[in-house]
Amino acid sequence: SRDFDKDTAYLEMNRLEPEDTAIYFCAVDRSNPLATSDAPGS
């Protein structure tokens, strides 16, 4: 989720499993966001 006013994103994680153990990184695509409007995972 995002808070557009605060320029902040969130990741709500439920039912966590040992396999979820990791370092979690946040990232942004600022240069070409329109190209992935329908497929943000790309």
Full PDB file with SEQRES, HELIX, SHEET, SSBOND, CRYST1, ORIGX, SCALE, CONECT and MASTER records, all heavy atoms in Angstrom:
SEQRES   1 A   42  SER ARG ASP PHE ASP LYS ASP THR ALA TYR LEU GLU MET          
SEQRES   2 A   42  ASN ARG LEU GLU PRO GLU ASP THR ALA ILE TYR PHE CYS          
SEQRES   3 A   42  ALA VAL ASP ARG SER ASN PRO LEU ALA THR SER ASP ALA          
SEQRES   4 A   42  PRO GLY SER                                                  
HELIX    1 AA1 PRO A   18  ASP A   20  5                                   3    
HELIX    2 AA2 PRO A   33  THR A   36  5                                   4    
SHEET    1 AA1 2 ARG A   2  ASP A   3  0                                        
SHEET    2 AA1 2 THR A   8  ALA A   9 -1                                        
CRYST1    1.000    1.000    1.000  90.00  90.00  90.00 P 1           1          
ORIGX1      1.000000  0.000000  0.000000        0.00000                         
ORIGX2      0.000000  1.000000  0.000000        0.00000                         
ORIGX3      0.000000  0.000000  1.000000        0.00000                         
SCALE1      1.000000  0.000000  0.000000        0.00000                         
SCALE2      0.000000  1.000000  0.000000        0.00000                         
SCALE3      0.000000  0.000000  1.000000        0.00000                         
ATOM      1  N   SER A   1       0.846  -1.185   0.000  1.00  0.00           N  
ATOM      2  CA  SER A   1       0.000   0.000   0.000  1.00  0.00           C  
ATOM      3  C   SER A   1       0.887   1.242   0.000  1.00  0.00           C  
ATOM      4  O   SER A   1       2.100   1.147   0.202  1.00  0.00           O  
ATOM      5  CB  SER A   1      -0.935   0.002   1.201  1.00  0.00           C  
ATOM      6  OG  SER A   1      -0.196   0.022   2.407  1.00  0.00           O  
ATOM      7  N   ARG A   2       0.264   2.373  -0.245  1.00  0.00           N  
ATOM      8  CA  ARG A   2       0.995   3.641  -0.284  1.00  0.00           C  
ATOM      9  C   ARG A   2       0.205   4.724   0.400  1.00  0.00           C  
ATOM     10  O   ARG A   2      -1.032   4.718   0.369  1.00  0.00           O  
ATOM     11  CB  ARG A   2       1.253   4.068  -1.734  1.00  0.00           C  
ATOM     12  CG  ARG A   2       2.252   3.273  -2.472  1.00  0.00           C  
ATOM     13  CD  ARG A   2       2.322   3.715  -3.916  1.00  0.00           C  
ATOM     14  NE  ARG A   2       2.715   5.116  -4.051  1.00  0.00           N  
ATOM     15  CZ  ARG A   2       2.859   5.727  -5.222  1.00  0.00           C  
ATOM     16  NH1 ARG A   2       2.627   5.065  -6.338  1.00  0.00           N  
ATOM     17  NH2 ARG A   2       3.212   6.989  -5.274  1.00  0.00           N  
ATOM     18  N   ASP A   3       0.941   5.653   0.989  1.00  0.00           N  
ATOM     19  CA  ASP A   3       0.368   6.901   1.470  1.00  0.00           C  
ATOM     20  C   ASP A   3       0.946   7.985   0.568  1.00  0.00           C  
ATOM     21  O   ASP A   3       2.107   8.359   0.718  1.00  0.00           O  
ATOM     22  CB  ASP A   3       0.731   7.137   2.940  1.00  0.00           C  
ATOM     23  CG  ASP A   3       0.054   8.364   3.504  1.00  0.00           C  
ATOM     24  OD1 ASP A   3      -0.153   9.353   2.750  1.00  0.00           O  
ATOM     25  OD2 ASP A   3      -0.247   8.364   4.709  1.00  0.00           O  
ATOM     26  N   PHE A   4       0.129   8.454  -0.376  1.00  0.00           N  
ATOM     27  CA  PHE A   4       0.629   9.398  -1.368  1.00  0.00           C  
ATOM     28  C   PHE A   4       1.026  10.722  -0.729  1.00  0.00           C  
ATOM     29  O   PHE A   4       1.932  11.392  -1.194  1.00  0.00           O  
ATOM     30  CB  PHE A   4      -0.421   9.624  -2.450  1.00  0.00           C  
ATOM     31  CG  PHE A   4      -0.566   8.464  -3.384  1.00  0.00           C  
ATOM     32  CD1 PHE A   4      -1.322   7.363  -3.032  1.00  0.00           C  
ATOM     33  CD2 PHE A   4       0.061   8.455  -4.614  1.00  0.00           C  
ATOM     34  CE1 PHE A   4      -1.462   6.265  -3.885  1.00  0.00           C  
ATOM     35  CE2 PHE A   4      -0.073   7.379  -5.482  1.00  0.00           C  
ATOM     36  CZ  PHE A   4      -0.825   6.285  -5.112  1.00  0.00           C  
ATOM     37  N   ASP A   5       0.356  11.089   0.331  1.00  0.00           N  
ATOM     38  CA  ASP A   5       0.668  12.366   0.978  1.00  0.00           C  
ATOM     39  C   ASP A   5       1.997  12.316   1.711  1.00  0.00           C  
ATOM     40  O   ASP A   5       2.669  13.335   1.839  1.00  0.00           O  
ATOM     41  CB  ASP A   5      -0.446  12.747   1.956  1.00  0.00           C  
ATOM     42  CG  ASP A   5      -1.733  13.087   1.246  1.00  0.00           C  
ATOM     43  OD1 ASP A   5      -1.673  13.511   0.074  1.00  0.00           O  
ATOM     44  OD2 ASP A   5      -2.807  12.916   1.848  1.00  0.00           O  
ATOM     45  N   LYS A   6       2.361  11.155   2.207  1.00  0.00           N  
ATOM     46  CA  LYS A   6       3.578  11.026   3.007  1.00  0.00           C  
ATOM     47  C   LYS A   6       4.745  10.461   2.209  1.00  0.00           C  
ATOM     48  O   LYS A   6       5.830  10.265   2.779  1.00  0.00           O  
ATOM     49  CB  LYS A   6       3.315  10.127   4.212  1.00  0.00           C  
ATOM     50  CG  LYS A   6       2.318  10.690   5.206  1.00  0.00           C  
ATOM     51  CD  LYS A   6       2.148   9.753   6.401  1.00  0.00           C  
ATOM     52  CE  LYS A   6       1.188  10.333   7.409  1.00  0.00           C  
ATOM     53  NZ  LYS A   6       0.997   9.418   8.573  1.00  0.00           N  
ATOM     54  N   ASP A   7       4.541  10.166   0.923  1.00  0.00           N  
ATOM     55  CA  ASP A   7       5.601   9.542   0.120  1.00  0.00           C  
ATOM     56  C   ASP A   7       6.142   8.310   0.826  1.00  0.00           C  
ATOM     57  O   ASP A   7       7.363   8.116   0.947  1.00  0.00           O  
ATOM     58  CB  ASP A   7       6.746  10.520  -0.165  1.00  0.00           C  
ATOM     59  CG  ASP A   7       6.463  11.413  -1.369  1.00  0.00           C  
ATOM     60  OD1 ASP A   7       5.514  11.095  -2.110  1.00  0.00           O  
ATOM     61  OD2 ASP A   7       7.183  12.399  -1.549  1.00  0.00           O  
ATOM     62  N   THR A   8       5.244   7.488   1.283  1.00  0.00           N  
ATOM     63  CA  THR A   8       5.609   6.290   2.038  1.00  0.00           C  
ATOM     64  C   THR A   8       4.856   5.083   1.490  1.00  0.00           C  
ATOM     65  O   THR A   8       3.689   5.190   1.133  1.00  0.00           O  
ATOM     66  CB  THR A   8       5.279   6.472   3.522  1.00  0.00           C  
ATOM     67  OG1 THR A   8       6.005   7.595   4.033  1.00  0.00           O  
ATOM     68  CG2 THR A   8       5.652   5.235   4.329  1.00  0.00           C  
ATOM     69  N   ALA A   9       5.554   3.968   1.416  1.00  0.00           N  
ATOM     70  CA  ALA A   9       4.936   2.708   1.019  1.00  0.00           C  
ATOM     71  C   ALA A   9       5.014   1.730   2.181  1.00  0.00           C  
ATOM     72  O   ALA A   9       5.872   1.860   3.066  1.00  0.00           O  
ATOM     73  CB  ALA A   9       5.629   2.130  -0.205  1.00  0.00           C  
ATOM     74  N   TYR A  10       4.119   0.767   2.154  1.00  0.00           N  
ATOM     75  CA  TYR A  10       4.054  -0.212   3.233  1.00  0.00           C  
ATOM     76  C   TYR A  10       3.968  -1.619   2.647  1.00  0.00           C  
ATOM     77  O   TYR A  10       3.491  -1.815   1.527  1.00  0.00           O  
ATOM     78  CB  TYR A  10       2.821   0.039   4.112  1.00  0.00           C  
ATOM     79  CG  TYR A  10       2.759   1.436   4.671  1.00  0.00           C  
ATOM     80  CD1 TYR A  10       2.026   2.428   4.028  1.00  0.00           C  
ATOM     81  CD2 TYR A  10       3.436   1.765   5.842  1.00  0.00           C  
ATOM     82  CE1 TYR A  10       1.967   3.717   4.537  1.00  0.00           C  
ATOM     83  CE2 TYR A  10       3.384   3.053   6.355  1.00  0.00           C  
ATOM     84  CZ  TYR A  10       2.652   4.018   5.699  1.00  0.00           C  
ATOM     85  OH  TYR A  10       2.606   5.295   6.199  1.00  0.00           O  
ATOM     86  N   LEU A  11       4.405  -2.571   3.417  1.00  0.00           N  
ATOM     87  CA  LEU A  11       4.220  -3.972   3.076  1.00  0.00           C  
ATOM     88  C   LEU A  11       3.666  -4.662   4.308  1.00  0.00           C  
ATOM     89  O   LEU A  11       4.378  -4.837   5.302  1.00  0.00           O  
ATOM     90  CB  LEU A  11       5.526  -4.627   2.629  1.00  0.00           C  
ATOM     91  CG  LEU A  11       5.383  -6.061   2.133  1.00  0.00           C  
ATOM     92  CD1 LEU A  11       4.586  -6.105   0.817  1.00  0.00           C  
ATOM     93  CD2 LEU A  11       6.746  -6.718   1.939  1.00  0.00           C  
ATOM     94  N   GLU A  12       2.398  -5.006   4.242  1.00  0.00           N  
ATOM     95  CA  GLU A  12       1.741  -5.731   5.323  1.00  0.00           C  
ATOM     96  C   GLU A  12       1.992  -7.212   5.081  1.00  0.00           C  
ATOM     97  O   GLU A  12       1.641  -7.745   4.025  1.00  0.00           O  
ATOM     98  CB  GLU A  12       0.247  -5.434   5.328  1.00  0.00           C  
ATOM     99  CG  GLU A  12      -0.483  -5.965   6.527  1.00  0.00           C  
ATOM    100  CD  GLU A  12      -0.264  -5.125   7.777  1.00  0.00           C  
ATOM    101  OE1 GLU A  12      -0.125  -3.896   7.653  1.00  0.00           O  
ATOM    102  OE2 GLU A  12      -0.214  -5.722   8.872  1.00  0.00           O  
ATOM    103  N   MET A  13       2.591  -7.879   6.056  1.00  0.00           N  
ATOM    104  CA  MET A  13       2.950  -9.292   5.906  1.00  0.00           C  
ATOM    105  C   MET A  13       2.238 -10.102   6.976  1.00  0.00           C  
ATOM    106  O   MET A  13       2.428  -9.851   8.170  1.00  0.00           O  
ATOM    107  CB  MET A  13       4.468  -9.473   6.011  1.00  0.00           C  
ATOM    108  CG  MET A  13       5.241  -8.597   5.037  1.00  0.00           C  
ATOM    109  SD  MET A  13       7.008  -8.961   5.031  1.00  0.00           S  
ATOM    110  CE  MET A  13       7.433  -8.450   6.690  1.00  0.00           C  
ATOM    111  N   ASN A  14       1.433 -11.052   6.552  1.00  0.00           N  
ATOM    112  CA  ASN A  14       0.677 -11.904   7.465  1.00  0.00           C  
ATOM    113  C   ASN A  14       1.044 -13.360   7.250  1.00  0.00           C  
ATOM    114  O   ASN A  14       1.581 -13.740   6.210  1.00  0.00           O  
ATOM    115  CB  ASN A  14      -0.821 -11.698   7.246  1.00  0.00           C  
ATOM    116  CG  ASN A  14      -1.253 -10.273   7.516  1.00  0.00           C  
ATOM    117  OD1 ASN A  14      -0.979  -9.718   8.581  1.00  0.00           O  
ATOM    118  ND2 ASN A  14      -1.923  -9.656   6.544  1.00  0.00           N  
ATOM    119  N   ARG A  15       0.713 -14.158   8.226  1.00  0.00           N  
ATOM    120  CA  ARG A  15       0.972 -15.611   8.164  1.00  0.00           C  
ATOM    121  C   ARG A  15       2.412 -15.875   7.714  1.00  0.00           C  
ATOM    122  O   ARG A  15       2.662 -16.667   6.804  1.00  0.00           O  
ATOM    123  CB  ARG A  15      -0.025 -16.296   7.240  1.00  0.00           C  
ATOM    124  CG  ARG A  15      -1.472 -16.054   7.660  1.00  0.00           C  
ATOM    125  CD  ARG A  15      -2.435 -17.062   7.068  1.00  0.00           C  
ATOM    126  NE  ARG A  15      -2.305 -17.256   5.654  1.00  0.00           N  
ATOM    127  CZ  ARG A  15      -2.912 -16.511   4.738  1.00  0.00           C  
ATOM    128  NH1 ARG A  15      -3.635 -15.478   5.110  1.00  0.00           N  
ATOM    129  NH2 ARG A  15      -2.775 -16.781   3.460  1.00  0.00           N  
ATOM    130  N   LEU A  16       3.332 -15.229   8.379  1.00  0.00           N  
ATOM    131  CA  LEU A  16       4.734 -15.335   7.996  1.00  0.00           C  
ATOM    132  C   LEU A  16       5.258 -16.751   8.185  1.00  0.00           C  
ATOM    133  O   LEU A  16       4.873 -17.454   9.133  1.00  0.00           O  
ATOM    134  CB  LEU A  16       5.575 -14.344   8.796  1.00  0.00           C  
ATOM    135  CG  LEU A  16       5.468 -12.894   8.303  1.00  0.00           C  
ATOM    136  CD1 LEU A  16       5.917 -11.921   9.370  1.00  0.00           C  
ATOM    137  CD2 LEU A  16       6.289 -12.709   7.030  1.00  0.00           C  
ATOM    138  N   GLU A  17       6.151 -17.119   7.272  1.00  0.00           N  
ATOM    139  CA  GLU A  17       6.742 -18.458   7.271  1.00  0.00           C  
ATOM    140  C   GLU A  17       8.261 -18.318   7.370  1.00  0.00           C  
ATOM    141  O   GLU A  17       8.816 -17.284   7.001  1.00  0.00           O  
ATOM    142  CB  GLU A  17       6.381 -19.161   5.962  1.00  0.00           C  
ATOM    143  CG  GLU A  17       4.892 -19.250   5.700  1.00  0.00           C  
ATOM    144  CD  GLU A  17       4.584 -19.699   4.277  1.00  0.00           C  
ATOM    145  OE1 GLU A  17       5.521 -19.807   3.463  1.00  0.00           O  
ATOM    146  OE2 GLU A  17       3.380 -19.945   3.998  1.00  0.00           O  
ATOM    147  N   PRO A  18       8.934 -19.353   7.851  1.00  0.00           N  
ATOM    148  CA  PRO A  18      10.412 -19.277   7.919  1.00  0.00           C  
ATOM    149  C   PRO A  18      11.044 -18.930   6.568  1.00  0.00           C  
ATOM    150  O   PRO A  18      12.080 -18.261   6.528  1.00  0.00           O  
ATOM    151  CB  PRO A  18      10.806 -20.682   8.379  1.00  0.00           C  
ATOM    152  CG  PRO A  18       9.627 -21.143   9.182  1.00  0.00           C  
ATOM    153  CD  PRO A  18       8.423 -20.571   8.494  1.00  0.00           C  
ATOM    154  N   GLU A  19      10.391 -19.339   5.474  1.00  0.00           N  
ATOM    155  CA  GLU A  19      10.921 -19.057   4.140  1.00  0.00           C  
ATOM    156  C   GLU A  19      10.844 -17.570   3.788  1.00  0.00           C  
ATOM    157  O   GLU A  19      11.421 -17.132   2.790  1.00  0.00           O  
ATOM    158  CB  GLU A  19      10.153 -19.852   3.088  1.00  0.00           C  
ATOM    159  CG  GLU A  19      10.370 -21.368   3.150  1.00  0.00           C  
ATOM    160  CD  GLU A  19       9.646 -22.018   4.321  1.00  0.00           C  
ATOM    161  OE1 GLU A  19       8.670 -21.440   4.843  1.00  0.00           O  
ATOM    162  OE2 GLU A  19      10.077 -23.118   4.721  1.00  0.00           O  
ATOM    163  N   ASP A  20      10.129 -16.796   4.581  1.00  0.00           N  
ATOM    164  CA  ASP A  20      10.063 -15.352   4.350  1.00  0.00           C  
ATOM    165  C   ASP A  20      11.251 -14.615   4.966  1.00  0.00           C  
ATOM    166  O   ASP A  20      11.383 -13.400   4.778  1.00  0.00           O  
ATOM    167  CB  ASP A  20       8.766 -14.784   4.938  1.00  0.00           C  
ATOM    168  CG  ASP A  20       7.535 -15.329   4.255  1.00  0.00           C  
ATOM    169  OD1 ASP A  20       7.540 -15.435   3.009  1.00  0.00           O  
ATOM    170  OD2 ASP A  20       6.559 -15.666   4.969  1.00  0.00           O  
ATOM    171  N   THR A  21      12.075 -15.321   5.688  1.00  0.00           N  
ATOM    172  CA  THR A  21      13.257 -14.704   6.286  1.00  0.00           C  
ATOM    173  C   THR A  21      14.168 -14.141   5.205  1.00  0.00           C  
ATOM    174  O   THR A  21      14.569 -14.854   4.283  1.00  0.00           O  
ATOM    175  CB  THR A  21      14.026 -15.736   7.129  1.00  0.00           C  
ATOM    176  OG1 THR A  21      13.212 -16.135   8.225  1.00  0.00           O  
ATOM    177  CG2 THR A  21      15.334 -15.147   7.643  1.00  0.00           C  
ATOM    178  N   ALA A  22      14.458 -12.850   5.305  1.00  0.00           N  
ATOM    179  CA  ALA A  22      15.265 -12.181   4.275  1.00  0.00           C  
ATOM    180  C   ALA A  22      15.469 -10.726   4.673  1.00  0.00           C  
ATOM    181  O   ALA A  22      14.830 -10.233   5.609  1.00  0.00           O  
ATOM    182  CB  ALA A  22      14.566 -12.239   2.916  1.00  0.00           C  
ATOM    183  N   ILE A  23      16.328 -10.065   3.924  1.00  0.00           N  
ATOM    184  CA  ILE A  23      16.404  -8.614   4.000  1.00  0.00           C  
ATOM    185  C   ILE A  23      15.417  -8.087   2.967  1.00  0.00           C  
ATOM    186  O   ILE A  23      15.447  -8.493   1.801  1.00  0.00           O  
ATOM    187  CB  ILE A  23      17.823  -8.103   3.694  1.00  0.00           C  
ATOM    188  CG1 ILE A  23      18.813  -8.657   4.700  1.00  0.00           C  
ATOM    189  CG2 ILE A  23      17.843  -6.572   3.707  1.00  0.00           C  
ATOM    190  CD1 ILE A  23      20.259  -8.326   4.393  1.00  0.00           C  
ATOM    191  N   TYR A  24      14.557  -7.201   3.392  1.00  0.00           N  
ATOM    192  CA  TYR A  24      13.530  -6.638   2.523  1.00  0.00           C  
ATOM    193  C   TYR A  24      13.935  -5.229   2.091  1.00  0.00           C  
ATOM    194  O   TYR A  24      14.253  -4.383   2.930  1.00  0.00           O  
ATOM    195  CB  TYR A  24      12.185  -6.611   3.238  1.00  0.00           C  
ATOM    196  CG  TYR A  24      11.551  -7.975   3.289  1.00  0.00           C  
ATOM    197  CD1 TYR A  24      12.065  -8.970   4.117  1.00  0.00           C  
ATOM    198  CD2 TYR A  24      10.456  -8.294   2.488  1.00  0.00           C  
ATOM    199  CE1 TYR A  24      11.506 -10.239   4.152  1.00  0.00           C  
ATOM    200  CE2 TYR A  24       9.888  -9.557   2.519  1.00  0.00           C  
ATOM    201  CZ  TYR A  24      10.416 -10.527   3.348  1.00  0.00           C  
ATOM    202  OH  TYR A  24       9.865 -11.780   3.377  1.00  0.00           O  
ATOM    203  N   PHE A  25      13.911  -5.030   0.790  1.00  0.00           N  
ATOM    204  CA  PHE A  25      14.309  -3.761   0.184  1.00  0.00           C  
ATOM    205  C   PHE A  25      13.116  -3.070  -0.458  1.00  0.00           C  
ATOM    206  O   PHE A  25      12.290  -3.712  -1.110  1.00  0.00           O  
ATOM    207  CB  PHE A  25      15.371  -3.987  -0.894  1.00  0.00           C  
ATOM    208  CG  PHE A  25      16.645  -4.611  -0.400  1.00  0.00           C  
ATOM    209  CD1 PHE A  25      16.793  -5.988  -0.390  1.00  0.00           C  
ATOM    210  CD2 PHE A  25      17.693  -3.824   0.044  1.00  0.00           C  
ATOM    211  CE1 PHE A  25      17.971  -6.578   0.052  1.00  0.00           C  
ATOM    212  CE2 PHE A  25      18.873  -4.389   0.484  1.00  0.00           C  
ATOM    213  CZ  PHE A  25      19.006  -5.769   0.495  1.00  0.00           C  
ATOM    214  N   CYS A  26      13.078  -1.790  -0.299  1.00  0.00           N  
ATOM    215  CA  CYS A  26      12.119  -0.947  -0.989  1.00  0.00           C  
ATOM    216  C   CYS A  26      12.798  -0.364  -2.224  1.00  0.00           C  
ATOM    217  O   CYS A  26      14.005  -0.067  -2.193  1.00  0.00           O  
ATOM    218  CB  CYS A  26      11.692   0.166  -0.037  1.00  0.00           C  
ATOM    219  SG  CYS A  26      10.674   1.437  -0.764  1.00  0.00           S  
ATOM    220  N   ALA A  27      12.032  -0.186  -3.293  1.00  0.00           N  
ATOM    221  CA  ALA A  27      12.596   0.380  -4.512  1.00  0.00           C  
ATOM    222  C   ALA A  27      11.538   1.190  -5.247  1.00  0.00           C  
ATOM    223  O   ALA A  27      10.337   0.940  -5.068  1.00  0.00           O  
ATOM    224  CB  ALA A  27      13.113  -0.731  -5.422  1.00  0.00           C  
ATOM    225  N   VAL A  28      11.984   2.135  -6.058  1.00  0.00           N  
ATOM    226  CA  VAL A  28      11.062   2.906  -6.887  1.00  0.00           C  
ATOM    227  C   VAL A  28      11.591   2.977  -8.318  1.00  0.00           C  
ATOM    228  O   VAL A  28      12.801   2.995  -8.554  1.00  0.00           O  
ATOM    229  CB  VAL A  28      10.821   4.336  -6.354  1.00  0.00           C  
ATOM    230  CG1 VAL A  28      10.180   4.301  -4.991  1.00  0.00           C  
ATOM    231  CG2 VAL A  28      12.091   5.160  -6.359  1.00  0.00           C  
ATOM    232  N   ASP A  29      10.649   3.016  -9.231  1.00  0.00           N  
ATOM    233  CA  ASP A  29      10.937   3.291 -10.637  1.00  0.00           C  
ATOM    234  C   ASP A  29      10.410   4.683 -10.898  1.00  0.00           C  
ATOM    235  O   ASP A  29       9.194   4.876 -11.054  1.00  0.00           O  
ATOM    236  CB  ASP A  29      10.258   2.271 -11.537  1.00  0.00           C  
ATOM    237  CG  ASP A  29      10.313   2.672 -13.010  1.00  0.00           C  
ATOM    238  OD1 ASP A  29      11.072   3.594 -13.362  1.00  0.00           O  
ATOM    239  OD2 ASP A  29       9.573   2.057 -13.803  1.00  0.00           O  
ATOM    240  N   ARG A  30      11.307   5.617 -10.941  1.00  0.00           N  
ATOM    241  CA  ARG A  30      10.928   7.008 -11.128  1.00  0.00           C  
ATOM    242  C   ARG A  30      11.071   7.458 -12.579  1.00  0.00           C  
ATOM    243  O   ARG A  30      10.466   8.430 -12.990  1.00  0.00           O  
ATOM    244  CB  ARG A  30      11.804   7.886 -10.218  1.00  0.00           C  
ATOM    245  CG  ARG A  30      11.400   9.339 -10.144  1.00  0.00           C  
ATOM    246  CD  ARG A  30      12.210  10.079  -9.090  1.00  0.00           C  
ATOM    247  NE  ARG A  30      11.879  11.478  -9.047  1.00  0.00           N  
ATOM    248  CZ  ARG A  30      12.473  12.399  -9.801  1.00  0.00           C  
ATOM    249  NH1 ARG A  30      13.423  12.049 -10.649  1.00  0.00           N  
ATOM    250  NH2 ARG A  30      12.109  13.664  -9.705  1.00  0.00           N  
ATOM    251  N   SER A  31      11.873   6.732 -13.345  1.00  0.00           N  
ATOM    252  CA  SER A  31      12.195   7.203 -14.694  1.00  0.00           C  
ATOM    253  C   SER A  31      11.174   6.804 -15.741  1.00  0.00           C  
ATOM    254  O   SER A  31      10.957   7.539 -16.711  1.00  0.00           O  
ATOM    255  CB  SER A  31      13.563   6.655 -15.109  1.00  0.00           C  
ATOM    256  OG  SER A  31      13.533   5.243 -15.134  1.00  0.00           O  
ATOM    257  N   ASN A  32      10.473   5.686 -15.558  1.00  0.00           N  
ATOM    258  CA  ASN A  32       9.544   5.245 -16.599  1.00  0.00           C  
ATOM    259  C   ASN A  32       8.356   4.480 -16.024  1.00  0.00           C  
ATOM    260  O   ASN A  32       8.063   3.357 -16.457  1.00  0.00           O  
ATOM    261  CB  ASN A  32      10.285   4.364 -17.609  1.00  0.00           C  
ATOM    262  CG  ASN A  32       9.537   4.229 -18.914  1.00  0.00           C  
ATOM    263  OD1 ASN A  32       8.653   5.024 -19.233  1.00  0.00           O  
ATOM    264  ND2 ASN A  32       9.870   3.195 -19.673  1.00  0.00           N  
ATOM    265  N   PRO A  33       7.657   5.059 -15.078  1.00  0.00           N  
ATOM    266  CA  PRO A  33       6.566   4.330 -14.424  1.00  0.00           C  
ATOM    267  C   PRO A  33       5.374   4.039 -15.327  1.00  0.00           C  
ATOM    268  O   PRO A  33       4.666   3.059 -15.103  1.00  0.00           O  
ATOM    269  CB  PRO A  33       6.174   5.262 -13.270  1.00  0.00           C  
ATOM    270  CG  PRO A  33       6.556   6.621 -13.749  1.00  0.00           C  
ATOM    271  CD  PRO A  33       7.817   6.416 -14.536  1.00  0.00           C  
ATOM    272  N   LEU A  34       5.162   4.887 -16.349  1.00  0.00           N  
ATOM    273  CA  LEU A  34       3.995   4.688 -17.211  1.00  0.00           C  
ATOM    274  C   LEU A  34       4.101   3.388 -18.004  1.00  0.00           C  
ATOM    275  O   LEU A  34       3.078   2.789 -18.351  1.00  0.00           O  
ATOM    276  CB  LEU A  34       3.852   5.876 -18.167  1.00  0.00           C  
ATOM    277  CG  LEU A  34       3.558   7.221 -17.508  1.00  0.00           C  
ATOM    278  CD1 LEU A  34       3.428   8.303 -18.571  1.00  0.00           C  
ATOM    279  CD2 LEU A  34       2.297   7.156 -16.670  1.00  0.00           C  
ATOM    280  N   ALA A  35       5.320   2.958 -18.272  1.00  0.00           N  
ATOM    281  CA  ALA A  35       5.511   1.758 -19.078  1.00  0.00           C  
ATOM    282  C   ALA A  35       5.004   0.507 -18.386  1.00  0.00           C  
ATOM    283  O   ALA A  35       4.703  -0.490 -19.041  1.00  0.00           O  
ATOM    284  CB  ALA A  35       6.981   1.595 -19.431  1.00  0.00           C  
ATOM    285  N   THR A  36       4.898   0.551 -17.092  1.00  0.00           N  
ATOM    286  CA  THR A  36       4.463  -0.637 -16.339  1.00  0.00           C  
ATOM    287  C   THR A  36       3.215  -0.334 -15.517  1.00  0.00           C  
ATOM    288  O   THR A  36       3.008  -0.922 -14.458  1.00  0.00           O  
ATOM    289  CB  THR A  36       5.585  -1.150 -15.430  1.00  0.00           C  
ATOM    290  OG1 THR A  36       6.008  -0.089 -14.563  1.00  0.00           O  
ATOM    291  CG2 THR A  36       6.777  -1.619 -16.246  1.00  0.00           C  
ATOM    292  N   SER A  37       2.384   0.552 -16.027  1.00  0.00           N  
ATOM    293  CA  SER A  37       1.159   0.928 -15.301  1.00  0.00           C  
ATOM    294  C   SER A  37       0.283  -0.275 -15.006  1.00  0.00           C  
ATOM    295  O   SER A  37      -0.343  -0.347 -13.950  1.00  0.00           O  
ATOM    296  CB  SER A  37       0.365   1.945 -16.129  1.00  0.00           C  
ATOM    297  OG  SER A  37       1.044   3.169 -16.208  1.00  0.00           O  
ATOM    298  N   ASP A  38       0.216  -1.211 -15.955  1.00  0.00           N  
ATOM    299  CA  ASP A  38      -0.635  -2.383 -15.788  1.00  0.00           C  
ATOM    300  C   ASP A  38       0.138  -3.591 -15.281  1.00  0.00           C  
ATOM    301  O   ASP A  38      -0.470  -4.629 -14.989  1.00  0.00           O  
ATOM    302  CB  ASP A  38      -1.318  -2.734 -17.108  1.00  0.00           C  
ATOM    303  CG  ASP A  38      -2.254  -1.629 -17.568  1.00  0.00           C  
ATOM    304  OD1 ASP A  38      -2.893  -1.012 -16.697  1.00  0.00           O  
ATOM    305  OD2 ASP A  38      -2.327  -1.373 -18.781  1.00  0.00           O  
ATOM    306  N   ALA A  39       1.421  -3.490 -15.228  1.00  0.00           N  
ATOM    307  CA  ALA A  39       2.256  -4.611 -14.790  1.00  0.00           C  
ATOM    308  C   ALA A  39       3.410  -4.084 -13.953  1.00  0.00           C  
ATOM    309  O   ALA A  39       4.574  -4.143 -14.362  1.00  0.00           O  
ATOM    310  CB  ALA A  39       2.785  -5.386 -16.002  1.00  0.00           C  
ATOM    311  N   PRO A  40       3.110  -3.565 -12.777  1.00  0.00           N  
ATOM    312  CA  PRO A  40       4.169  -2.934 -11.974  1.00  0.00           C  
ATOM    313  C   PRO A  40       5.278  -3.880 -11.564  1.00  0.00           C  
ATOM    314  O   PRO A  40       6.392  -3.431 -11.253  1.00  0.00           O  
ATOM    315  CB  PRO A  40       3.393  -2.404 -10.761  1.00  0.00           C  
ATOM    316  CG  PRO A  40       2.131  -3.200 -10.708  1.00  0.00           C  
ATOM    317  CD  PRO A  40       1.792  -3.506 -12.130  1.00  0.00           C  
ATOM    318  N   GLY A  41       5.017  -5.151 -11.591  1.00  0.00           N  
ATOM    319  CA  GLY A  41       6.062  -6.114 -11.247  1.00  0.00           C  
ATOM    320  C   GLY A  41       7.187  -6.163 -12.251  1.00  0.00           C  
ATOM    321  O   GLY A  41       8.260  -6.705 -11.966  1.00  0.00           O  
ATOM    322  N   SER A  42       6.965  -5.559 -13.406  1.00  0.00           N  
ATOM    323  CA  SER A  42       7.989  -5.555 -14.456  1.00  0.00           C  
ATOM    324  C   SER A  42       8.850  -4.297 -14.429  1.00  0.00           C  
ATOM    325  O   SER A  42       9.649  -4.080 -15.339  1.00  0.00           O  
ATOM    326  CB  SER A  42       7.313  -5.652 -15.835  1.00  0.00           C  
ATOM    327  OG  SER A  42       6.552  -6.834 -15.924  1.00  0.00           O  
TER     328      SER A  42                                                      
MASTER        0    0    0    2    2    0    0    6  327    1    0    4          
END                                                                             
